[in-house]
């Protein structure tokens, strides 16, 4: 499978050369990433974000059945599961988008695989739309996304590498207690420990789209740099001691490394 401009082509192996088997010419501008899982194909466009496609072997045809609601200049892509894609754009945004469960089951149960629905698109786009579940502005153009386990028996994390050489990690929370604790810690640090240059932290992390379902670990790590009185005051708001807050931060680090 190869992207040639805005054309997605599927080749078969012949005796002497590759044979063009089928192609789709309905992608908007320029293909930059191609991933597949089963008979689903996830195509990243250089200006129009992700397009979910499907290959129907009986008809030897590829068609688009879902696309993103926002135009994004894709630089990296990573399939997380059958319905979910993680991606990054050239403006430093990291996001995760997902096909709604009811749409996914409808495509699977449809005898045509969503082909007939795809004939009638919405606003010159696909008939179904992806929904964003994570939005976060990293501040560096991400060039690579990978899933990895950093230690034996550790939890799987998503690593991202930026064009300036930075390497970051996204850790999925497994309990509501951790989500509540770190979201409240982040909220207090935004108020009590503003950036040195005076820029609002939430405005920075929401530079292009509002930050959604992501807690800034870099900000939470700055709790250890606060004065003792400020640490005690924030810890009291969280019904903890400063030592317990620092222990919680250390536990999160130990889950990764």
Protein backbone atom coordinates (compact mmCIF):
# COMPACT_ATOMS: atom_id res chain seq x y z
CA UNK A 1 0.00 0.00 0.00
CA UNK A 2 1.36 3.42 -0.94
CA UNK A 3 0.29 7.03 -0.99
CA UNK A 4 1.02 8.87 -4.25
CA UNK A 5 0.04 12.49 -3.74
CA UNK A 6 -3.62 12.32 -2.75
CA UNK A 7 -4.09 8.84 -4.23
CA UNK A 8 -4.02 5.73 -2.04
CA UNK A 9 -2.94 2.69 -4.06
CA UNK A 10 -2.87 -0.99 -3.24
CA UNK A 11 -0.30 -3.06 -5.12
CA UNK A 12 -0.02 -6.81 -5.63
CA UNK A 13 3.21 -8.70 -6.23
CA UNK A 14 3.62 -9.86 -9.81
CA UNK A 15 6.32 -12.03 -11.37
CA UNK A 16 8.54 -9.11 -12.38
CA UNK A 17 6.98 -5.93 -11.00
CA UNK A 18 4.27 -4.64 -8.69
CA UNK A 19 0.75 -4.69 -10.14
CA UNK A 20 -1.69 -1.91 -9.32
CA UNK A 21 -4.65 -3.65 -7.73
CA UNK A 22 -6.96 -0.79 -6.72
CA UNK A 23 -6.82 2.87 -5.72
CA UNK A 24 -8.82 5.65 -4.11
CA UNK A 25 -8.58 9.20 -5.51
CA UNK A 26 -10.92 10.95 -3.06
CA UNK A 27 -8.42 12.07 -0.41
CA UNK A 28 -8.18 15.87 -0.16
CA UNK A 29 -4.52 16.88 -0.49
CA UNK A 30 -1.42 14.79 0.35
CA UNK A 31 -1.04 11.47 2.17
CA UNK A 32 1.65 11.55 4.89
CA UNK A 33 0.87 8.49 7.08
CA UNK A 34 -0.70 5.08 6.37
CA UNK A 35 -1.60 2.52 9.04
CA UNK A 36 -3.82 -0.54 8.87
CA UNK A 37 -5.50 -2.99 11.22
CA UNK A 38 -7.56 -5.81 9.77
CA UNK A 39 -9.49 -4.46 6.79
CA UNK A 40 -9.43 -0.90 8.15
CA UNK A 41 -6.97 1.66 6.83
CA UNK A 42 -6.06 4.84 8.72
CA UNK A 43 -4.74 7.58 6.44
CA UNK A 44 -3.23 10.83 7.68
CA UNK A 45 -3.56 13.80 5.33
CA UNK A 46 -1.08 16.68 5.42
CA UNK A 47 -3.90 19.25 5.81
CA UNK A 48 -7.12 17.41 6.65
CA UNK A 49 -6.25 15.10 9.58
CA UNK A 50 -7.27 11.43 9.64
CA UNK A 51 -9.49 9.50 7.26
CA UNK A 52 -10.77 6.05 8.21
CA UNK A 53 -11.04 3.81 5.16
CA UNK A 54 -12.01 0.23 4.52
CA UNK A 55 -10.93 -2.27 1.92
CA UNK A 56 -13.64 -4.56 0.60
CA UNK A 57 -11.90 -7.53 -0.99
CA UNK A 58 -14.98 -8.88 -2.80
CA UNK A 59 -15.42 -5.60 -4.73
CA UNK A 60 -11.68 -4.80 -4.78
CA UNK A 61 -12.44 -1.28 -3.60
CA UNK A 62 -11.31 1.18 -0.90
CA UNK A 63 -13.68 3.85 0.42
CA UNK A 64 -13.78 6.46 3.21
CA UNK A 65 -16.38 5.98 5.93
CA UNK A 66 -15.22 8.48 8.61
CA UNK A 67 -13.00 11.54 8.94
CA UNK A 68 -11.99 14.17 11.51
CA UNK A 69 -13.96 17.32 12.26
CA UNK A 70 -10.88 19.58 12.43
CA UNK A 71 -8.31 20.26 9.70
CA UNK A 72 -4.91 19.20 11.05
CA UNK A 73 -1.46 19.21 9.47
CA UNK A 74 -0.46 15.67 10.47
CA UNK A 75 3.20 14.92 11.27
CA UNK A 76 2.90 11.64 13.21
CA UNK A 77 0.28 8.93 13.71
CA UNK A 78 -0.14 5.89 15.95
CA UNK A 79 -3.09 3.45 15.98
CA UNK A 80 -4.05 2.67 19.59
CA UNK A 81 -6.86 0.21 18.90
CA UNK A 82 -9.37 -0.70 16.21
CA UNK A 83 -11.32 2.58 16.59
CA UNK A 84 -8.73 4.97 18.06
CA UNK A 85 -5.84 6.95 16.55
CA UNK A 86 -3.26 9.15 18.23
CA UNK A 87 -1.80 11.93 16.14
CA UNK A 88 0.24 15.10 16.17
CA UNK A 89 0.30 18.16 13.93
CA UNK A 90 3.05 20.55 12.91
CA UNK A 91 1.84 23.25 15.33
CA UNK A 92 2.79 21.19 18.38
CA UNK A 93 -0.58 19.65 19.24
CA UNK A 94 -1.03 16.07 20.43
CA UNK A 95 -4.48 14.52 20.19
CA UNK A 96 -6.34 11.22 20.30
CA UNK A 97 -9.44 10.74 18.17
CA UNK A 98 -11.90 7.87 18.18
CA UNK A 99 -14.68 6.47 16.04
CA UNK A 100 -17.89 6.33 18.14
CA UNK A 101 -18.76 2.79 19.26
CA UNK A 102 -22.20 2.82 17.64
CA UNK A 103 -20.72 3.90 14.31
CA UNK A 104 -18.02 1.23 14.53
CA UNK A 105 -20.54 -1.55 15.15
CA UNK A 106 -22.77 -0.18 12.41
CA UNK A 107 -19.91 -0.33 9.89
CA UNK A 108 -19.09 -3.90 10.95
CA UNK A 109 -22.71 -5.08 10.80
CA UNK A 110 -23.47 -3.39 7.46
CA UNK A 111 -23.32 -6.01 4.66
CA UNK A 112 -21.81 -3.40 2.36
CA UNK A 113 -19.31 -2.34 5.06
CA UNK A 114 -20.60 1.23 4.98
CA UNK A 115 -19.99 1.57 1.26
CA UNK A 116 -23.49 2.80 0.35
CA UNK A 117 -23.53 5.23 3.28
CA UNK A 118 -20.22 6.61 2.05
CA UNK A 119 -21.80 7.68 -1.23
CA UNK A 120 -23.75 10.41 0.58
CA UNK A 121 -21.20 12.37 2.59
CA UNK A 122 -21.69 15.30 4.96
CA UNK A 123 -20.48 18.73 3.75
CA UNK A 124 -18.22 17.18 1.09
CA UNK A 125 -16.74 14.87 3.73
CA UNK A 126 -17.28 11.37 5.06
CA UNK A 127 -20.71 10.33 6.38
CA UNK A 128 -19.35 9.67 9.91
CA UNK A 129 -17.19 11.93 12.05
CA UNK A 130 -14.47 11.11 14.58
CA UNK A 131 -14.67 12.51 18.11
CA UNK A 132 -11.61 13.90 19.89
CA UNK A 133 -11.06 12.45 23.36
CA UNK A 134 -7.67 14.06 24.15
CA UNK A 135 -6.27 17.49 23.24
CA UNK A 136 -2.90 18.84 24.45
CA UNK A 137 -0.46 21.46 23.19
CA UNK A 138 3.09 20.15 23.65
CA UNK A 139 4.82 23.21 22.22
CA UNK A 140 7.16 21.24 19.94
CA UNK A 141 6.48 19.69 16.55
CA UNK A 142 6.16 15.95 17.17
CA UNK A 143 7.84 13.77 14.57
CA UNK A 144 7.30 10.31 16.06
CA UNK A 145 4.77 8.46 18.24
CA UNK A 146 5.37 4.99 19.67
CA UNK A 147 3.83 2.66 22.24
CA UNK A 148 6.40 1.19 24.64
CA UNK A 149 6.92 -0.51 27.99
CA UNK A 150 9.90 1.12 29.70
CA UNK A 151 10.54 -1.54 32.36
CA UNK A 152 9.77 -5.25 32.88
CA UNK A 153 6.20 -5.64 34.08
CA UNK A 154 5.54 -1.91 33.61
CA UNK A 155 2.51 -0.24 32.14
CA UNK A 156 2.35 0.56 28.43
CA UNK A 157 2.89 4.26 27.69
CA UNK A 158 2.88 6.44 24.59
CA UNK A 159 6.21 8.11 23.79
CA UNK A 160 6.55 11.16 21.57
CA UNK A 161 9.68 12.77 20.12
CA UNK A 162 9.87 16.37 18.98
CA UNK A 163 11.84 18.10 16.26
CA UNK A 164 13.89 19.98 18.89
CA UNK A 165 15.02 16.69 20.46
CA UNK A 166 12.59 16.51 23.39
CA UNK A 167 11.16 13.11 24.35
CA UNK A 168 7.88 13.00 26.26
CA UNK A 169 5.62 10.33 27.68
CA UNK A 170 1.85 10.01 28.04
CA UNK A 171 0.78 7.71 30.89
CA UNK A 172 -2.83 6.48 31.04
CA UNK A 173 -4.40 6.67 34.50
CA UNK A 174 -6.02 3.49 35.75
CA UNK A 175 -8.06 4.84 38.67
CA UNK A 176 -10.43 7.75 39.22
CA UNK A 177 -8.64 8.54 42.49
CA UNK A 178 -5.40 9.40 40.62
CA UNK A 179 -7.30 11.52 38.11
CA UNK A 180 -8.99 13.55 40.87
CA UNK A 181 -5.77 13.97 42.85
CA UNK A 182 -3.57 15.17 40.00
CA UNK A 183 -6.24 17.38 38.43
CA UNK A 184 -6.66 19.20 41.77
CA UNK A 185 -2.88 19.41 42.22
CA UNK A 186 -2.55 20.88 38.73
CA UNK A 187 -5.31 23.39 39.45
CA UNK A 188 -3.60 24.61 42.66
CA UNK A 189 -0.21 24.87 40.98
CA UNK A 190 -1.71 26.96 38.17
CA UNK A 191 -2.90 29.45 40.76
CA UNK A 192 -0.03 29.38 43.27
CA UNK A 193 2.95 28.88 40.93
CA UNK A 194 2.37 30.84 37.68
CA UNK A 195 5.00 30.76 34.90
CA UNK A 196 7.99 33.05 35.22
CA UNK A 197 7.07 35.15 32.17
CA UNK A 198 3.47 35.58 33.29
CA UNK A 199 1.73 33.58 30.58
CA UNK A 200 -1.32 31.66 31.71
CA UNK A 201 -0.59 27.93 31.84
CA UNK A 202 -3.98 26.80 30.57
CA UNK A 203 -3.82 29.30 27.71
CA UNK A 204 -0.49 27.80 26.64
CA UNK A 205 -1.68 24.19 26.77
CA UNK A 206 -4.83 25.28 24.88
CA UNK A 207 -2.96 27.28 22.22
CA UNK A 208 -4.99 25.87 19.27
CA UNK A 209 -7.73 23.75 20.83
CA UNK A 210 -8.85 23.66 24.50
CA UNK A 211 -6.86 21.17 26.55
CA UNK A 212 -8.96 18.08 27.24
CA UNK A 213 -8.48 15.05 29.51
CA UNK A 214 -4.71 15.60 29.95
CA UNK A 215 -2.86 16.57 33.14
CA UNK A 216 0.45 18.38 32.74
CA UNK A 217 3.07 16.27 34.54
CA UNK A 218 5.76 18.94 34.08
CA UNK A 219 3.67 21.37 36.10
CA UNK A 220 2.89 18.81 38.83
CA UNK A 221 6.61 18.02 39.19
CA UNK A 222 7.25 21.65 40.18
CA UNK A 223 5.54 20.99 43.52
CA UNK A 224 8.93 19.93 44.89
CA UNK A 225 10.39 23.37 43.99
CA UNK A 226 7.87 25.32 46.07
CA UNK A 227 8.60 26.79 49.48
CA UNK A 228 7.74 24.69 52.54
CA UNK A 229 4.82 26.91 53.54
CA UNK A 230 3.33 26.82 50.05
CA UNK A 231 3.75 23.04 49.87
CA UNK A 232 1.97 22.67 53.20
CA UNK A 233 -0.89 24.95 52.13
CA UNK A 234 -1.49 23.10 48.86
CA UNK A 235 -1.22 19.70 50.59
CA UNK A 236 -3.84 20.75 53.16
CA UNK A 237 -6.22 21.63 50.31
CA UNK A 238 -5.71 18.09 49.02
CA UNK A 239 -6.18 16.55 52.52
CA UNK A 240 -2.62 15.23 52.43
CA UNK A 241 0.80 16.01 53.85
CA UNK A 242 3.58 17.38 51.61
CA UNK A 243 5.41 14.06 52.01
CA UNK A 244 2.39 12.14 50.71
CA UNK A 245 2.11 14.42 47.68
CA UNK A 246 5.80 13.92 46.85
CA UNK A 247 5.39 10.15 47.34
CA UNK A 248 2.45 10.17 44.91
CA UNK A 249 4.57 11.96 42.29
CA UNK A 250 7.38 9.45 42.80
CA UNK A 251 4.97 6.52 42.38
CA UNK A 252 3.87 7.90 39.00
CA UNK A 253 7.50 8.20 37.87
CA UNK A 254 8.18 4.63 38.99
CA UNK A 255 5.29 3.36 36.85
CA UNK A 256 7.14 4.61 33.77
CA UNK A 257 10.84 4.09 34.55
